[in-house]
């Protein structure tokens, strides 16, 4: 519970530090990207603090590219 509160407070502090400069410079696209990355990071951090097993992104990439690599290697042999 305290870890989740700490993660949310840290995300709030980061937002308070970064957002005013983005608003001042009128960087709307950068602000959208900032909040997307921040929300992804907060989500993963909360999941890890709850000890939920998160699959590795490398496994997903391997599943996608394994058939492609087999075809490429078959042409090279």
Protein backbone atom coordinates (compact mmCIF):
# COMPACT_ATOMS: atom_id res chain seq x y z
CA UNK A 1 0.00 0.00 0.00
CA UNK A 2 2.74 2.44 0.96
CA UNK A 3 4.70 1.56 -2.16
CA UNK A 4 1.75 2.47 -4.37
CA UNK A 5 1.27 5.76 -2.57
CA UNK A 6 4.99 6.49 -2.92
CA UNK A 7 4.93 5.69 -6.63
CA UNK A 8 1.94 7.95 -7.20
CA UNK A 9 3.52 10.78 -5.18
CA UNK A 10 6.75 10.45 -7.11
CA UNK A 11 4.84 10.58 -10.41
CA UNK A 12 3.02 13.67 -9.16
CA UNK A 13 6.30 15.36 -8.22
CA UNK A 14 7.79 14.54 -11.63
CA UNK A 15 4.69 15.97 -13.31
CA UNK A 16 4.83 19.15 -11.21
CA UNK A 17 8.46 19.64 -12.22
CA UNK A 18 8.14 18.86 -15.94
CA UNK A 19 4.67 20.00 -17.05
CA UNK A 20 4.99 23.77 -16.46
CA UNK A 21 7.92 24.04 -18.86
CA UNK A 22 6.03 22.05 -21.49
CA UNK A 23 2.96 24.24 -21.09
CA UNK A 24 5.07 27.40 -21.18
CA UNK A 25 6.69 26.32 -24.46
CA UNK A 26 3.31 25.12 -25.83
CA UNK A 27 4.62 21.62 -26.55
CA UNK A 28 1.36 19.69 -26.68
CA UNK A 29 2.65 16.60 -28.50
CA UNK A 30 5.58 16.30 -26.14
CA UNK A 31 3.23 16.58 -23.18
CA UNK A 32 1.08 13.74 -24.55
CA UNK A 33 4.16 11.55 -24.99
CA UNK A 34 5.37 12.50 -21.51
CA UNK A 35 2.09 11.46 -19.90
CA UNK A 36 1.95 8.24 -21.94
CA UNK A 37 5.42 7.20 -20.80
CA UNK A 38 4.77 8.30 -17.24
CA UNK A 39 1.53 6.34 -17.06
CA UNK A 40 3.21 3.23 -18.48
CA UNK A 41 6.04 3.56 -15.95
CA UNK A 42 3.62 4.08 -13.05
CA UNK A 43 1.51 1.10 -14.15
CA UNK A 44 4.51 -1.22 -14.37
CA UNK A 45 5.88 0.06 -11.06
CA UNK A 46 2.59 -0.56 -9.29
CA UNK A 47 2.32 -4.04 -10.81
CA UNK A 48 5.85 -4.84 -9.66
CA UNK A 49 5.15 -3.50 -6.16
CA UNK A 50 2.11 -5.82 -6.01
CA UNK A 51 4.45 -8.67 -7.06
CA UNK A 52 2.47 -9.43 -10.20
CA UNK A 53 4.52 -11.33 -12.75
CA UNK A 54 5.00 -9.23 -15.88
CA UNK A 55 6.09 -11.16 -18.98
CA UNK A 56 9.24 -9.98 -20.66
CA UNK A 57 8.86 -7.98 -23.85
CA UNK A 58 11.63 -10.13 -25.34
CA UNK A 59 9.33 -13.16 -25.25
CA UNK A 60 6.72 -11.29 -27.27
CA UNK A 61 9.33 -10.19 -29.79
CA UNK A 62 10.64 -13.75 -30.02
CA UNK A 63 7.13 -15.09 -30.70
CA UNK A 64 6.61 -12.55 -33.46
CA UNK A 65 9.98 -12.88 -35.19
CA UNK A 66 10.70 -16.60 -34.79
CA UNK A 67 8.74 -17.58 -37.93
CA UNK A 68 10.35 -14.75 -39.89
CA UNK A 69 13.85 -15.81 -38.88
CA UNK A 70 13.12 -19.42 -39.83
CA UNK A 71 12.07 -18.32 -43.32
CA UNK A 72 15.15 -16.10 -43.72
CA UNK A 73 17.50 -18.85 -42.55
CA UNK A 74 15.87 -21.35 -44.89
CA UNK A 75 16.67 -19.05 -47.83
CA UNK A 76 20.27 -18.61 -46.68
CA UNK A 77 21.02 -22.35 -46.45
